[in-house]
Each structure stands twice: as structure tokens, then as C-alpha cells.
Amino acid sequence: MLRLPHRVRRQSDKSNKDNNYISLSESCKILFLTESSIRYHIIRHRLKAFKSGGKWYLSKDSVETFKTWQNYNKRKDH
């Protein structure tokens, strides 16, 4: 996955409230993963995210794509 440009990753908390990004805790509920697992995937650039004010924000598109990939791999294994 592509990394977000430097200027996007450094935005303030106020500008991150739009509908394109969700918090780390929200993404945990959507993906059924722990926070540490999601941070692992962020570090591996499998999820687009940035940190602002000490909190992680993930791209909604990235989370939905990752969820589709997760479901595909689960079906493939069975």
C-alpha cells in the first residue's frame, strides 16, 4: 500500500474529523482485530494511517480493502 504524503500525516486533530478517516478503536471493531494487530499492519504498510495528537487515524478505504482481503484469505484457506 502507498504511504500518505507527509503533509497529510501531520494534520491536526480538528481536520481529521471528516468522513475519510476512522479511529484505531473503530477499525478494531470493523476488522475484529486487536489494536496491536492493526498497528502491526500499519507498520507493514498494509493499512493507510497517520498519527495525530497521539492517536491513530486510518483511511476508511484502506480498512474496507483490508477487510475484503481478510475475507478472501479466509475463504481461500477452507
PDB file of N, CA and C in Angstrom:
ATOM      1  N   MET A   1       0.836  -1.176   0.000  1.00  0.00           N
ATOM      2  CA  MET A   1       0.000   0.000   0.000  1.00  0.00           C
ATOM      3  C   MET A   1       0.889   1.250   0.000  1.00  0.00           C
ATOM      4  N   LEU A   2       0.354   2.304  -0.557  1.00  0.00           N
ATOM      5  CA  LEU A   2       1.093   3.552  -0.615  1.00  0.00           C
ATOM      6  C   LEU A   2       0.993   4.292   0.708  1.00  0.00           C
ATOM      7  N   ARG A   3       2.054   4.992   1.039  1.00  0.00           N
ATOM      8  CA  ARG A   3       2.039   5.816   2.248  1.00  0.00           C
ATOM      9  C   ARG A   3       1.382   7.146   1.934  1.00  0.00           C
ATOM     10  N   LEU A   4       0.739   7.714   2.921  1.00  0.00           N
ATOM     11  CA  LEU A   4       0.148   9.035   2.755  1.00  0.00           C
ATOM     12  C   LEU A   4       1.253  10.078   2.682  1.00  0.00           C
ATOM     13  N   PRO A   5       1.048  11.135   1.916  1.00  0.00           N
ATOM     14  CA  PRO A   5       2.056  12.194   1.856  1.00  0.00           C
ATOM     15  C   PRO A   5       2.333  12.776   3.240  1.00  0.00           C
ATOM     16  N   HIS A   6       3.524  13.288   3.428  1.00  0.00           N
ATOM     17  CA  HIS A   6       3.969  13.836   4.710  1.00  0.00           C
ATOM     18  C   HIS A   6       2.980  14.874   5.242  1.00  0.00           C
ATOM     19  N   ARG A   7       2.502  15.767   4.394  1.00  0.00           N
ATOM     20  CA  ARG A   7       1.601  16.833   4.847  1.00  0.00           C
ATOM     21  C   ARG A   7       0.267  16.290   5.341  1.00  0.00           C
ATOM     22  N   VAL A   8      -0.185  15.152   4.825  1.00  0.00           N
ATOM     23  CA  VAL A   8      -1.448  14.574   5.267  1.00  0.00           C
ATOM     24  C   VAL A   8      -1.282  13.915   6.625  1.00  0.00           C
ATOM     25  N   ARG A   9      -0.166  13.241   6.848  1.00  0.00           N
ATOM     26  CA  ARG A   9       0.052  12.534   8.095  1.00  0.00           C
ATOM     27  C   ARG A   9       0.230  13.475   9.279  1.00  0.00           C
ATOM     28  N   ARG A  10       0.523  14.733   9.047  1.00  0.00           N
ATOM     29  CA  ARG A  10       0.808  15.679  10.126  1.00  0.00           C
ATOM     30  C   ARG A  10      -0.335  16.648  10.400  1.00  0.00           C
ATOM     31  N   GLN A  11      -1.533  16.355   9.916  1.00  0.00           N
ATOM     32  CA  GLN A  11      -2.652  17.268  10.131  1.00  0.00           C
ATOM     33  C   GLN A  11      -3.054  17.291  11.589  1.00  0.00           C
ATOM     34  N   SER A  12      -3.748  18.375  11.978  1.00  0.00           N
ATOM     35  CA  SER A  12      -4.223  18.491  13.353  1.00  0.00           C
ATOM     36  C   SER A  12      -5.460  17.635  13.569  1.00  0.00           C
ATOM     37  N   ASP A  13      -5.812  17.389  14.813  1.00  0.00           N
ATOM     38  CA  ASP A  13      -6.985  16.574  15.144  1.00  0.00           C
ATOM     39  C   ASP A  13      -8.273  17.144  14.565  1.00  0.00           C
ATOM     40  N   LYS A  14      -8.409  18.452  14.517  1.00  0.00           N
ATOM     41  CA  LYS A  14      -9.639  19.075  14.051  1.00  0.00           C
ATOM     42  C   LYS A  14      -9.927  18.724  12.593  1.00  0.00           C
ATOM     43  N   SER A  15      -8.901  18.678  11.764  1.00  0.00           N
ATOM     44  CA  SER A  15      -9.116  18.399  10.344  1.00  0.00           C
ATOM     45  C   SER A  15      -9.292  16.915  10.065  1.00  0.00           C
ATOM     46  N   ASN A  16      -9.043  16.048  11.050  1.00  0.00           N
ATOM     47  CA  ASN A  16      -9.177  14.608  10.855  1.00  0.00           C
ATOM     48  C   ASN A  16     -10.583  14.108  11.126  1.00  0.00           C
ATOM     49  N   LYS A  17     -11.491  14.987  11.460  1.00  0.00           N
ATOM     50  CA  LYS A  17     -12.843  14.586  11.816  1.00  0.00           C
ATOM     51  C   LYS A  17     -13.720  14.323  10.597  1.00  0.00           C
ATOM     52  N   ASP A  18     -13.176  14.505   9.380  1.00  0.00           N
ATOM     53  CA  ASP A  18     -14.005  14.270   8.201  1.00  0.00           C
ATOM     54  C   ASP A  18     -14.316  12.778   8.055  1.00  0.00           C
ATOM     55  N   ASN A  19     -15.102  12.450   7.069  1.00  0.00           N
ATOM     56  CA  ASN A  19     -15.592  11.085   6.924  1.00  0.00           C
ATOM     57  C   ASN A  19     -14.621  10.138   6.246  1.00  0.00           C
ATOM     58  N   ASN A  20     -13.447  10.596   5.875  1.00  0.00           N
ATOM     59  CA  ASN A  20     -12.489   9.733   5.185  1.00  0.00           C
ATOM     60  C   ASN A  20     -11.624   8.914   6.136  1.00  0.00           C
ATOM     61  N   TYR A  21     -11.629   9.243   7.404  1.00  0.00           N
ATOM     62  CA  TYR A  21     -10.759   8.571   8.365  1.00  0.00           C
ATOM     63  C   TYR A  21     -11.549   8.087   9.577  1.00  0.00           C
ATOM     64  N   ILE A  22     -11.082   6.980  10.154  1.00  0.00           N
ATOM     65  CA  ILE A  22     -11.696   6.449  11.369  1.00  0.00           C
ATOM     66  C   ILE A  22     -10.599   6.213  12.398  1.00  0.00           C
ATOM     67  N   SER A  23     -10.983   6.144  13.655  1.00  0.00           N
ATOM     68  CA  SER A  23     -10.009   5.954  14.728  1.00  0.00           C
ATOM     69  C   SER A  23      -9.541   4.501  14.781  1.00  0.00           C
ATOM     70  N   LEU A  24      -8.488   4.283  15.510  1.00  0.00           N
ATOM     71  CA  LEU A  24      -7.948   2.935  15.684  1.00  0.00           C
ATOM     72  C   LEU A  24      -8.968   2.026  16.350  1.00  0.00           C
ATOM     73  N   SER A  25      -9.669   2.529  17.364  1.00  0.00           N
ATOM     74  CA  SER A  25     -10.659   1.700  18.064  1.00  0.00           C
ATOM     75  C   SER A  25     -11.835   1.332  17.159  1.00  0.00           C
ATOM     76  N   GLU A  26     -12.250   2.253  16.283  1.00  0.00           N
ATOM     77  CA  GLU A  26     -13.323   1.940  15.336  1.00  0.00           C
ATOM     78  C   GLU A  26     -12.883   0.864  14.354  1.00  0.00           C
ATOM     79  N   SER A  27     -11.644   0.953  13.899  1.00  0.00           N
ATOM     80  CA  SER A  27     -11.146  -0.049  12.950  1.00  0.00           C
ATOM     81  C   SER A  27     -11.027  -1.419  13.609  1.00  0.00           C
ATOM     82  N   CYS A  28     -10.755  -1.466  14.922  1.00  0.00           N
ATOM     83  CA  CYS A  28     -10.716  -2.735  15.662  1.00  0.00           C
ATOM     84  C   CYS A  28     -12.067  -3.437  15.582  1.00  0.00           C
ATOM     85  N   LYS A  29     -13.129  -2.669  15.745  1.00  0.00           N
ATOM     86  CA  LYS A  29     -14.476  -3.232  15.705  1.00  0.00           C
ATOM     87  C   LYS A  29     -14.834  -3.729  14.305  1.00  0.00           C
ATOM     88  N   ILE A  30     -14.410  -3.021  13.286  1.00  0.00           N
ATOM     89  CA  ILE A  30     -14.729  -3.389  11.909  1.00  0.00           C
ATOM     90  C   ILE A  30     -13.952  -4.636  11.474  1.00  0.00           C
ATOM     91  N   LEU A  31     -12.664  -4.680  11.829  1.00  0.00           N
ATOM     92  CA  LEU A  31     -11.796  -5.769  11.368  1.00  0.00           C
ATOM     93  C   LEU A  31     -11.719  -6.954  12.337  1.00  0.00           C
ATOM     94  N   PHE A  32     -12.281  -6.814  13.520  1.00  0.00           N
ATOM     95  CA  PHE A  32     -12.217  -7.852  14.558  1.00  0.00           C
ATOM     96  C   PHE A  32     -10.763  -8.218  14.882  1.00  0.00           C
ATOM     97  N   LEU A  33      -9.942  -7.183  15.037  1.00  0.00           N
ATOM     98  CA  LEU A  33      -8.536  -7.348  15.391  1.00  0.00           C
ATOM     99  C   LEU A  33      -8.219  -6.487  16.607  1.00  0.00           C
ATOM    100  N   THR A  34      -7.129  -6.812  17.277  1.00  0.00           N
ATOM    101  CA  THR A  34      -6.681  -6.005  18.411  1.00  0.00           C
ATOM    102  C   THR A  34      -5.965  -4.757  17.905  1.00  0.00           C
ATOM    103  N   GLU A  35      -5.797  -3.776  18.775  1.00  0.00           N
ATOM    104  CA  GLU A  35      -5.075  -2.554  18.408  1.00  0.00           C
ATOM    105  C   GLU A  35      -3.646  -2.860  18.003  1.00  0.00           C
ATOM    106  N   SER A  36      -2.995  -3.769  18.712  1.00  0.00           N
ATOM    107  CA  SER A  36      -1.606  -4.099  18.378  1.00  0.00           C
ATOM    108  C   SER A  36      -1.512  -4.773  17.002  1.00  0.00           C
ATOM    109  N   SER A  37      -2.494  -5.588  16.647  1.00  0.00           N
ATOM    110  CA  SER A  37      -2.502  -6.224  15.319  1.00  0.00           C
ATOM    111  C   SER A  37      -2.668  -5.183  14.221  1.00  0.00           C
ATOM    112  N   ILE A  38      -3.535  -4.224  14.453  1.00  0.00           N
ATOM    113  CA  ILE A  38      -3.747  -3.179  13.452  1.00  0.00           C
ATOM    114  C   ILE A  38      -2.506  -2.306  13.322  1.00  0.00           C
ATOM    115  N   ARG A  39      -1.867  -1.976  14.442  1.00  0.00           N
ATOM    116  CA  ARG A  39      -0.624  -1.201  14.374  1.00  0.00           C
ATOM    117  C   ARG A  39       0.449  -1.973  13.608  1.00  0.00           C
ATOM    118  N   TYR A  40       0.497  -3.297  13.770  1.00  0.00           N
ATOM    119  CA  TYR A  40       1.433  -4.145  13.034  1.00  0.00           C
ATOM    120  C   TYR A  40       1.198  -3.990  11.527  1.00  0.00           C
ATOM    121  N   HIS A  41      -0.064  -4.029  11.103  1.00  0.00           N
ATOM    122  CA  HIS A  41      -0.386  -3.899   9.682  1.00  0.00           C
ATOM    123  C   HIS A  41      -0.121  -2.484   9.178  1.00  0.00           C
ATOM    124  N   ILE A  42      -0.253  -1.487  10.040  1.00  0.00           N
ATOM    125  CA  ILE A  42       0.086  -0.111   9.664  1.00  0.00           C
ATOM    126  C   ILE A  42       1.586  -0.015   9.394  1.00  0.00           C
ATOM    127  N   ILE A  43       2.386  -0.566  10.270  1.00  0.00           N
ATOM    128  CA  ILE A  43       3.845  -0.531  10.121  1.00  0.00           C
ATOM    129  C   ILE A  43       4.277  -1.244   8.847  1.00  0.00           C
ATOM    130  N   ARG A  44       3.571  -2.320   8.485  1.00  0.00           N
ATOM    131  CA  ARG A  44       3.883  -3.091   7.283  1.00  0.00           C
ATOM    132  C   ARG A  44       3.273  -2.461   6.028  1.00  0.00           C
ATOM    133  N   HIS A  45       2.643  -1.292   6.166  1.00  0.00           N
ATOM    134  CA  HIS A  45       2.020  -0.534   5.073  1.00  0.00           C
ATOM    135  C   HIS A  45       0.883  -1.303   4.409  1.00  0.00           C
ATOM    136  N   ARG A  46       0.228  -2.142   5.159  1.00  0.00           N
ATOM    137  CA  ARG A  46      -0.957  -2.845   4.660  1.00  0.00           C
ATOM    138  C   ARG A  46      -2.216  -2.016   4.895  1.00  0.00           C
ATOM    139  N   LEU A  47      -2.134  -1.064   5.813  1.00  0.00           N
ATOM    140  CA  LEU A  47      -3.227  -0.143   6.102  1.00  0.00           C
ATOM    141  C   LEU A  47      -2.689   1.289   6.037  1.00  0.00           C
ATOM    142  N   LYS A  48      -3.432   2.175   5.384  1.00  0.00           N
ATOM    143  CA  LYS A  48      -3.046   3.586   5.330  1.00  0.00           C
ATOM    144  C   LYS A  48      -3.493   4.257   6.616  1.00  0.00           C
ATOM    145  N   ALA A  49      -2.571   4.913   7.278  1.00  0.00           N
ATOM    146  CA  ALA A  49      -2.897   5.566   8.548  1.00  0.00           C
ATOM    147  C   ALA A  49      -1.902   6.680   8.831  1.00  0.00           C
ATOM    148  N   PHE A  50      -2.282   7.536   9.748  1.00  0.00           N
ATOM    149  CA  PHE A  50      -1.367   8.553  10.241  1.00  0.00           C
ATOM    150  C   PHE A  50      -1.672   8.793  11.710  1.00  0.00           C
ATOM    151  N   LYS A  51      -0.707   9.332  12.396  1.00  0.00           N
ATOM    152  CA  LYS A  51      -0.833   9.591  13.813  1.00  0.00           C
ATOM    153  C   LYS A  51      -0.897  11.095  14.031  1.00  0.00           C
ATOM    154  N   SER A  52      -1.883  11.534  14.798  1.00  0.00           N
ATOM    155  CA  SER A  52      -2.044  12.948  15.080  1.00  0.00           C
ATOM    156  C   SER A  52      -2.506  13.109  16.521  1.00  0.00           C
ATOM    157  N   GLY A  53      -1.822  13.920  17.271  1.00  0.00           N
ATOM    158  CA  GLY A  53      -2.188  14.135  18.663  1.00  0.00           C
ATOM    159  C   GLY A  53      -2.091  12.863  19.495  1.00  0.00           C
ATOM    160  N   GLY A  54      -1.198  11.976  19.114  1.00  0.00           N
ATOM    161  CA  GLY A  54      -1.010  10.725  19.846  1.00  0.00           C
ATOM    162  C   GLY A  54      -2.039   9.646  19.518  1.00  0.00           C
ATOM    163  N   LYS A  55      -2.907   9.907  18.530  1.00  0.00           N
ATOM    164  CA  LYS A  55      -3.936   8.935  18.152  1.00  0.00           C
ATOM    165  C   LYS A  55      -3.755   8.534  16.692  1.00  0.00           C
ATOM    166  N   TRP A  56      -4.066   7.280  16.398  1.00  0.00           N
ATOM    167  CA  TRP A  56      -4.001   6.776  15.028  1.00  0.00           C
ATOM    168  C   TRP A  56      -5.330   7.010  14.322  1.00  0.00           C
ATOM    169  N   TYR A  57      -5.250   7.407  13.047  1.00  0.00           N
ATOM    170  CA  TYR A  57      -6.406   7.553  12.178  1.00  0.00           C
ATOM    171  C   TYR A  57      -6.140   6.755  10.913  1.00  0.00           C
ATOM    172  N   LEU A  58      -7.112   5.924  10.538  1.00  0.00           N
ATOM    173  CA  LEU A  58      -6.968   5.057   9.377  1.00  0.00           C
ATOM    174  C   LEU A  58      -7.924   5.478   8.263  1.00  0.00           C
ATOM    175  N   SER A  59      -7.482   5.320   7.047  1.00  0.00           N
ATOM    176  CA  SER A  59      -8.316   5.601   5.885  1.00  0.00           C
ATOM    177  C   SER A  59      -9.448   4.581   5.816  1.00  0.00           C
ATOM    178  N   LYS A  60     -10.679   5.060   5.640  1.00  0.00           N
ATOM    179  CA  LYS A  60     -11.823   4.148   5.536  1.00  0.00           C
ATOM    180  C   LYS A  60     -11.660   3.200   4.355  1.00  0.00           C
ATOM    181  N   ASP A  61     -11.185   3.723   3.233  1.00  0.00           N
ATOM    182  CA  ASP A  61     -10.984   2.888   2.051  1.00  0.00           C
ATOM    183  C   ASP A  61      -9.983   1.779   2.322  1.00  0.00           C
ATOM    184  N   SER A  62      -8.924   2.117   3.015  1.00  0.00           N
ATOM    185  CA  SER A  62      -7.900   1.141   3.348  1.00  0.00           C
ATOM    186  C   SER A  62      -8.455   0.038   4.251  1.00  0.00           C
ATOM    187  N   VAL A  63      -9.268   0.415   5.227  1.00  0.00           N
ATOM    188  CA  VAL A  63      -9.858  -0.566   6.146  1.00  0.00           C
ATOM    189  C   VAL A  63     -10.822  -1.490   5.398  1.00  0.00           C
ATOM    190  N   GLU A  64     -11.644  -0.927   4.509  1.00  0.00           N
ATOM    191  CA  GLU A  64     -12.587  -1.744   3.739  1.00  0.00           C
ATOM    192  C   GLU A  64     -11.850  -2.696   2.796  1.00  0.00           C
ATOM    193  N   THR A  65     -10.787  -2.222   2.160  1.00  0.00           N
ATOM    194  CA  THR A  65      -9.990  -3.073   1.283  1.00  0.00           C
ATOM    195  C   THR A  65      -9.328  -4.198   2.075  1.00  0.00           C
ATOM    196  N   PHE A  66      -8.807  -3.865   3.239  1.00  0.00           N
ATOM    197  CA  PHE A  66      -8.169  -4.866   4.095  1.00  0.00           C
ATOM    198  C   PHE A  66      -9.181  -5.913   4.551  1.00  0.00           C
ATOM    199  N   LYS A  67     -10.395  -5.476   4.863  1.00  0.00           N
ATOM    200  CA  LYS A  67     -11.436  -6.403   5.297  1.00  0.00           C
ATOM    201  C   LYS A  67     -11.794  -7.376   4.168  1.00  0.00           C
ATOM    202  N   THR A  68     -11.883  -6.866   2.957  1.00  0.00           N
ATOM    203  CA  THR A  68     -12.150  -7.716   1.795  1.00  0.00           C
ATOM    204  C   THR A  68     -11.027  -8.731   1.611  1.00  0.00           C
ATOM    205  N   TRP A  69      -9.787  -8.264   1.746  1.00  0.00           N
ATOM    206  CA  TRP A  69      -8.620  -9.142   1.630  1.00  0.00           C
ATOM    207  C   TRP A  69      -8.658 -10.217   2.712  1.00  0.00           C
ATOM    208  N   GLN A  70      -9.027  -9.835   3.939  1.00  0.00           N
ATOM    209  CA  GLN A  70      -9.144 -10.784   5.053  1.00  0.00           C
ATOM    210  C   GLN A  70     -10.167 -11.873   4.731  1.00  0.00           C
ATOM    211  N   ASN A  71     -11.335 -11.457   4.266  1.00  0.00           N
ATOM    212  CA  ASN A  71     -12.399 -12.405   3.946  1.00  0.00           C
ATOM    213  C   ASN A  71     -12.004 -13.328   2.800  1.00  0.00           C
ATOM    214  N   TYR A  72     -11.322 -12.796   1.812  1.00  0.00           N
ATOM    215  CA  TYR A  72     -10.867 -13.607   0.686  1.00  0.00           C
ATOM    216  C   TYR A  72      -9.894 -14.680   1.159  1.00  0.00           C
ATOM    217  N   ASN A  73      -8.967 -14.306   2.013  1.00  0.00           N
ATOM    218  CA  ASN A  73      -7.971 -15.262   2.515  1.00  0.00           C
ATOM    219  C   ASN A  73      -8.611 -16.326   3.400  1.00  0.00           C
ATOM    220  N   LYS A  74      -9.640 -15.964   4.151  1.00  0.00           N
ATOM    221  CA  LYS A  74     -10.337 -16.946   4.993  1.00  0.00           C
ATOM    222  C   LYS A  74     -11.023 -18.000   4.121  1.00  0.00           C
ATOM    223  N   ARG A  75     -11.683 -17.544   3.036  1.00  0.00           N
ATOM    224  CA  ARG A  75     -12.368 -18.473   2.139  1.00  0.00           C
ATOM    225  C   ARG A  75     -11.369 -19.334   1.385  1.00  0.00           C
ATOM    226  N   LYS A  76     -10.253 -18.764   1.028  1.00  0.00           N
ATOM    227  CA  LYS A  76      -9.221 -19.467   0.283  1.00  0.00           C
ATOM    228  C   LYS A  76      -8.612 -20.603   1.089  1.00  0.00           C
ATOM    229  N   ASP A  77      -8.499 -20.416   2.396  1.00  0.00           N
ATOM    230  CA  ASP A  77      -7.901 -21.417   3.277  1.00  0.00           C
ATOM    231  C   ASP A  77      -8.809 -22.619   3.486  1.00  0.00           C
ATOM    232  N   HIS A  78     -10.100 -22.474   3.301  1.00  0.00           N
ATOM    233  CA  HIS A  78     -11.039 -23.566   3.588  1.00  0.00           C
ATOM    234  C   HIS A  78     -11.338 -24.374   2.393  1.00  0.00           C
TER     235      HIS A  78
END
